[in-house]
């Protein structure tokens, strides 16, 4: 009898909780009629002349450093020692045919990742009826990628870390690699930094805009970027610490450039929030991160 009474009371409490939850959910739906019709994507702060100039100038600077790399790159390693962690991961992940991993990483990092960053942004913008934003978004994403590329290039030149495959060669063999000027530019990984910068920039721009499909850019971009990082180790071009730091720096730049310099226009947000019913939904960045 006691057990039956306890069971009955528990059932009643569960029913009450279900009823309260259902009522609260219904009230939330009733107070947020705009949920069925997404809000207009937010305009972002930017200066066409300034941002295009920074992007184009940064691209020219990177091309100049690539052109004059034989004269700018350190001829001898400044960071030659290898710790046990880097050595162990290299032995575990390096492919037997490193050229294959190198080629695939070039495709994922410099073809697939840019296409995914811009394409997913365009897809998200089109889904919300904001195709006119795509050109502007492209500039902002490219700007973050160019900044990441130049930060990476400067760091490589200053640090002078020996690449894994070069470290494994004898002193005589090191001077006969296909690109001797590239031998000591291991830290940090440019492919990885660029991939994570583009992925983060695309996701951040989409989130700032308020695109409903912005999480798609974060998810797909992150997978492509992580794959690129793995392939750089498999290709014997970078150590684990190279790709980890590249991912952190690239991702930070990809997030910071849009978030700090191209935030949504406050007046538009205030106007839209004033005309729309108030909700207690968390900001998109809180949900995503």
Protein backbone atom coordinates (compact mmCIF):
# COMPACT_ATOMS: atom_id res chain seq x y z
CA UNK A 1 0.00 0.00 0.00
CA UNK A 2 2.80 2.39 0.90
CA UNK A 3 4.65 1.67 -2.32
CA UNK A 4 1.45 2.21 -4.33
CA UNK A 5 0.85 5.55 -2.61
CA UNK A 6 4.42 6.69 -3.27
CA UNK A 7 4.11 5.66 -6.91
CA UNK A 8 0.85 7.57 -7.27
CA UNK A 9 2.36 10.73 -5.76
CA UNK A 10 5.39 10.49 -8.07
CA UNK A 11 3.16 10.11 -11.11
CA UNK A 12 1.15 13.16 -10.08
CA UNK A 13 4.32 15.23 -9.64
CA UNK A 14 5.63 14.16 -13.04
CA UNK A 15 2.32 15.09 -14.66
CA UNK A 16 2.40 18.50 -12.96
CA UNK A 17 5.95 19.11 -14.15
CA UNK A 18 4.99 18.12 -17.69
CA UNK A 19 1.98 20.43 -17.55
CA UNK A 20 4.09 23.35 -16.26
CA UNK A 21 6.77 22.76 -18.88
CA UNK A 22 4.17 22.55 -21.64
CA UNK A 23 2.51 25.76 -20.45
CA UNK A 24 5.84 27.60 -20.29
CA UNK A 25 6.78 26.39 -23.75
CA UNK A 26 3.42 27.50 -25.12
CA UNK A 27 3.83 30.93 -23.54
CA UNK A 28 7.31 31.28 -25.05
CA UNK A 29 5.95 30.44 -28.47
CA UNK A 30 3.12 32.88 -28.04
CA UNK A 31 5.50 35.68 -27.03
CA UNK A 32 7.94 35.08 -29.90
CA UNK A 33 5.91 35.13 -33.11
CA UNK A 34 8.98 36.31 -35.01
CA UNK A 35 10.58 32.88 -34.59
CA UNK A 36 8.71 31.61 -37.64
CA UNK A 37 9.99 34.58 -39.68
CA UNK A 38 13.73 35.14 -39.09
CA UNK A 39 14.91 38.68 -38.32
CA UNK A 40 16.60 40.63 -41.06
CA UNK A 41 20.37 39.90 -41.10
CA UNK A 42 22.36 42.63 -39.38
CA UNK A 43 24.49 45.09 -41.34
CA UNK A 44 28.14 45.13 -40.25
CA UNK A 45 30.52 48.00 -39.73
CA UNK A 46 33.13 48.26 -42.47
CA UNK A 47 34.83 50.74 -44.78
CA UNK A 48 35.01 49.54 -48.40
CA UNK A 49 38.07 51.68 -49.19
CA UNK A 50 39.94 50.80 -45.99
CA UNK A 51 39.13 47.09 -45.81
CA UNK A 52 39.72 46.43 -49.52
CA UNK A 53 43.04 48.31 -49.28
CA UNK A 54 44.12 46.29 -46.22
CA UNK A 55 43.17 43.03 -47.92
CA UNK A 56 44.84 43.83 -51.22
CA UNK A 57 47.92 45.34 -49.56
CA UNK A 58 48.26 42.36 -47.23
CA UNK A 59 48.02 39.96 -50.16
CA UNK A 60 50.74 41.90 -52.01
CA UNK A 61 52.96 41.84 -48.92
CA UNK A 62 52.58 38.07 -48.59
CA UNK A 63 53.37 37.56 -52.28
CA UNK A 64 56.48 39.74 -51.90
CA UNK A 65 57.73 37.66 -48.97
CA UNK A 66 57.17 34.50 -50.99
CA UNK A 67 59.03 35.96 -53.97
CA UNK A 68 62.01 37.03 -51.86
CA UNK A 69 61.91 34.02 -49.54
CA UNK A 70 65.40 32.81 -50.61
CA UNK A 71 66.80 36.09 -49.29
CA UNK A 72 64.58 36.49 -46.23
CA UNK A 73 64.37 32.94 -44.83
CA UNK A 74 67.03 31.83 -42.34
CA UNK A 75 69.66 29.63 -44.01
CA UNK A 76 70.27 27.75 -40.75
CA UNK A 77 67.83 26.63 -38.13
CA UNK A 78 67.53 28.73 -35.01
CA UNK A 79 65.26 26.15 -33.36
CA UNK A 80 66.84 22.78 -34.09
CA UNK A 81 66.04 20.62 -31.08
CA UNK A 82 62.96 18.38 -31.00
CA UNK A 83 61.08 17.39 -27.84
CA UNK A 84 59.81 13.89 -27.17
CA UNK A 85 56.16 14.78 -27.78
CA UNK A 86 56.76 16.21 -31.25
CA UNK A 87 59.03 13.32 -32.17
CA UNK A 88 56.56 10.71 -30.97
CA UNK A 89 53.58 12.23 -32.79
CA UNK A 90 55.63 12.56 -35.95
CA UNK A 91 56.60 8.88 -35.85
CA UNK A 92 52.98 7.88 -35.25
CA UNK A 93 51.27 10.02 -37.90
CA UNK A 94 53.70 10.52 -40.77
CA UNK A 95 52.63 8.78 -43.99
CA UNK A 96 54.81 6.41 -45.92
CA UNK A 97 54.18 8.51 -49.05
CA UNK A 98 54.52 12.03 -47.68
CA UNK A 99 54.06 13.69 -51.08
CA UNK A 100 50.48 12.41 -51.19
CA UNK A 101 49.66 13.98 -47.83
CA UNK A 102 51.37 17.21 -48.92
CA UNK A 103 49.29 17.40 -52.11
CA UNK A 104 46.03 16.68 -50.29
CA UNK A 105 46.81 19.29 -47.63
CA UNK A 106 47.38 21.86 -50.38
CA UNK A 107 43.94 21.04 -51.76
CA UNK A 108 42.15 21.13 -48.38
CA UNK A 109 43.98 24.23 -47.15
CA UNK A 110 44.13 26.42 -50.25
CA UNK A 111 41.22 25.18 -52.38
CA UNK A 112 38.57 23.43 -50.30
CA UNK A 113 38.81 25.70 -47.25
CA UNK A 114 38.44 29.03 -49.13
CA UNK A 115 35.61 27.53 -51.18
CA UNK A 116 33.90 26.26 -48.03
CA UNK A 117 34.34 29.55 -46.16
CA UNK A 118 32.85 31.68 -48.93
CA UNK A 119 30.39 29.08 -50.19
CA UNK A 120 28.87 28.34 -46.80
CA UNK A 121 28.58 32.05 -46.06
CA UNK A 122 26.82 32.56 -49.40
CA UNK A 123 24.54 29.59 -48.65
CA UNK A 124 23.64 30.99 -45.23
CA UNK A 125 23.06 34.48 -46.65
CA UNK A 126 20.89 33.14 -49.44
CA UNK A 127 18.86 31.08 -46.99
CA UNK A 128 17.98 34.27 -45.12
CA UNK A 129 17.34 36.31 -48.28
CA UNK A 130 20.54 38.38 -47.93
CA UNK A 131 22.53 37.51 -51.06
CA UNK A 132 23.53 41.16 -51.39
CA UNK A 133 25.76 40.70 -48.30
CA UNK A 134 27.94 38.02 -49.91
CA UNK A 135 30.40 40.43 -51.58
CA UNK A 136 30.95 42.33 -48.36
CA UNK A 137 31.29 39.11 -46.38
CA UNK A 138 33.90 37.89 -48.86
CA UNK A 139 36.06 40.96 -48.22
CA UNK A 140 35.82 40.57 -44.43
CA UNK A 141 36.67 36.87 -44.55
CA UNK A 142 39.56 37.47 -46.95
CA UNK A 143 40.85 40.29 -44.75
CA UNK A 144 41.15 37.94 -41.77
CA UNK A 145 42.86 35.32 -43.94
CA UNK A 146 45.41 37.83 -45.23
CA UNK A 147 46.21 39.06 -41.73
CA UNK A 148 46.74 35.47 -40.56
CA UNK A 149 48.98 34.72 -43.55
CA UNK A 150 51.26 37.68 -42.85
CA UNK A 151 51.48 37.02 -39.12
CA UNK A 152 52.43 33.42 -39.92
CA UNK A 153 55.04 34.43 -42.49
CA UNK A 154 56.70 36.94 -40.16
CA UNK A 155 56.82 34.40 -37.33
CA UNK A 156 58.34 31.74 -39.57
CA UNK A 157 61.11 34.08 -40.69
CA UNK A 158 61.94 35.13 -37.13
CA UNK A 159 61.76 31.73 -35.42
CA UNK A 160 63.58 29.60 -38.01
CA UNK A 161 62.45 26.17 -36.87
CA UNK A 162 63.68 23.16 -38.82
CA UNK A 163 61.03 21.08 -40.58
CA UNK A 164 60.61 17.42 -39.57
CA UNK A 165 61.74 15.90 -42.87
CA UNK A 166 64.80 18.19 -42.89
CA UNK A 167 65.62 17.28 -39.31
CA UNK A 168 65.83 13.63 -40.37
CA UNK A 169 68.42 14.36 -43.11
CA UNK A 170 72.17 14.46 -42.82
CA UNK A 171 73.97 17.81 -42.97
CA UNK A 172 74.98 17.21 -46.59
CA UNK A 173 71.45 16.24 -47.64
CA UNK A 174 69.86 19.33 -46.08
CA UNK A 175 71.34 21.60 -48.72
CA UNK A 176 69.93 19.47 -51.54
CA UNK A 177 66.22 19.62 -50.75
CA UNK A 178 63.79 20.84 -53.41
CA UNK A 179 63.35 24.20 -51.65
CA UNK A 180 66.30 24.90 -49.34
CA UNK A 181 64.88 28.31 -48.40
CA UNK A 182 61.85 26.52 -46.94
CA UNK A 183 63.86 24.14 -44.74
CA UNK A 184 63.67 26.25 -41.58
CA UNK A 185 60.15 27.66 -41.80
CA UNK A 186 58.32 25.06 -39.76
CA UNK A 187 56.91 27.20 -36.92
CA UNK A 188 54.09 27.67 -37.17
CA UNK A 189 52.03 25.92 -39.84
CA UNK A 190 50.80 28.33 -42.51
CA UNK A 191 48.32 25.85 -43.99
CA UNK A 192 46.79 25.27 -40.56
CA UNK A 193 46.69 28.93 -39.55
CA UNK A 194 45.10 29.95 -42.84
CA UNK A 195 42.50 27.19 -42.73
CA UNK A 196 41.45 27.97 -39.16
CA UNK A 197 41.45 31.72 -39.86
CA UNK A 198 39.07 31.30 -42.80
CA UNK A 199 36.84 28.88 -40.92
CA UNK A 200 36.60 31.17 -37.88
CA UNK A 201 36.13 34.30 -39.98
CA UNK A 202 33.32 32.72 -41.99
CA UNK A 203 31.60 31.49 -38.85
CA UNK A 204 32.05 34.79 -37.02
CA UNK A 205 30.76 36.91 -39.91
CA UNK A 206 27.74 34.64 -40.24
CA UNK A 207 27.06 34.80 -36.51
CA UNK A 208 27.42 38.60 -36.41
CA UNK A 209 25.00 38.81 -39.32
CA UNK A 210 22.55 36.58 -37.52
CA UNK A 211 22.41 33.96 -40.28
CA UNK A 212 20.49 30.91 -39.10
CA UNK A 213 22.92 28.61 -40.91
CA UNK A 214 26.05 30.20 -39.40
CA UNK A 215 26.72 27.04 -37.30
CA UNK A 216 27.20 25.19 -40.59
CA UNK A 217 30.20 27.36 -41.40
CA UNK A 218 31.67 26.72 -37.96
CA UNK A 219 31.18 22.96 -38.16
CA UNK A 220 32.24 22.24 -41.74
CA UNK A 221 35.04 24.81 -41.62
CA UNK A 222 36.40 23.32 -38.40
CA UNK A 223 36.46 19.81 -39.87
CA UNK A 224 38.29 20.95 -43.03
CA UNK A 225 40.77 22.98 -40.99
CA UNK A 226 41.47 20.12 -38.56
CA UNK A 227 41.96 17.73 -41.49
CA UNK A 228 44.47 20.14 -43.00
CA UNK A 229 46.37 20.31 -39.72
CA UNK A 230 46.58 16.51 -39.51
CA UNK A 231 47.77 16.25 -43.11
CA UNK A 232 50.62 18.70 -42.48
CA UNK A 233 51.98 16.30 -39.86
CA UNK A 234 51.34 13.32 -42.14
CA UNK A 235 53.26 15.10 -44.91
CA UNK A 236 56.26 15.48 -42.55
CA UNK A 237 56.16 19.23 -43.07
CA UNK A 238 55.28 20.25 -39.51
CA UNK A 239 55.55 19.12 -35.93
CA UNK A 240 52.54 18.78 -33.64
CA UNK A 241 53.33 22.05 -31.87
CA UNK A 242 53.48 23.82 -35.25
CA UNK A 243 49.91 22.86 -36.15
CA UNK A 244 48.52 23.42 -32.63
CA UNK A 245 49.91 26.95 -32.46
CA UNK A 246 48.85 27.55 -36.06
CA UNK A 247 45.29 26.50 -35.21
CA UNK A 248 45.15 28.74 -32.13
CA UNK A 249 46.66 31.80 -33.82
CA UNK A 250 44.69 31.36 -37.04
CA UNK A 251 41.42 30.77 -35.23
CA UNK A 252 42.00 33.76 -32.95
CA UNK A 253 42.71 36.09 -35.88
CA UNK A 254 39.75 34.73 -37.84
CA UNK A 255 37.48 35.47 -34.90
CA UNK A 256 39.04 38.75 -33.74
CA UNK A 257 39.18 40.63 -37.05
CA UNK A 258 35.42 40.48 -37.74
CA UNK A 259 34.37 40.59 -34.10
CA UNK A 260 36.50 43.57 -33.07
CA UNK A 261 36.43 45.65 -36.25
CA UNK A 262 33.20 44.69 -38.00
CA UNK A 263 30.58 44.30 -35.30
CA UNK A 264 26.90 44.66 -36.12
CA UNK A 265 25.56 48.22 -36.40
CA UNK A 266 24.09 49.08 -33.00
CA UNK A 267 21.36 51.41 -34.28
CA UNK A 268 19.92 48.69 -36.49
CA UNK A 269 19.96 46.18 -33.69
CA UNK A 270 18.26 48.59 -31.29
CA UNK A 271 15.61 49.44 -33.85
CA UNK A 272 14.85 45.80 -34.61
CA UNK A 273 14.78 44.84 -30.94
CA UNK A 274 12.47 47.72 -30.12
CA UNK A 275 9.91 46.63 -32.71
CA UNK A 276 10.16 42.91 -31.95
CA UNK A 277 8.86 41.13 -28.84
CA UNK A 278 11.52 40.67 -26.18
CA UNK A 279 12.93 37.21 -25.67
CA UNK A 280 15.39 35.72 -23.26
CA UNK A 281 17.33 33.80 -25.89
CA UNK A 282 21.08 33.68 -25.42
CA UNK A 283 23.28 35.50 -27.96
CA UNK A 284 24.47 33.32 -30.82
CA UNK A 285 28.10 33.48 -29.70
CA UNK A 286 27.25 32.09 -26.26
CA UNK A 287 25.37 29.17 -27.82
CA UNK A 288 28.11 28.43 -30.36
CA UNK A 289 31.08 28.72 -28.05
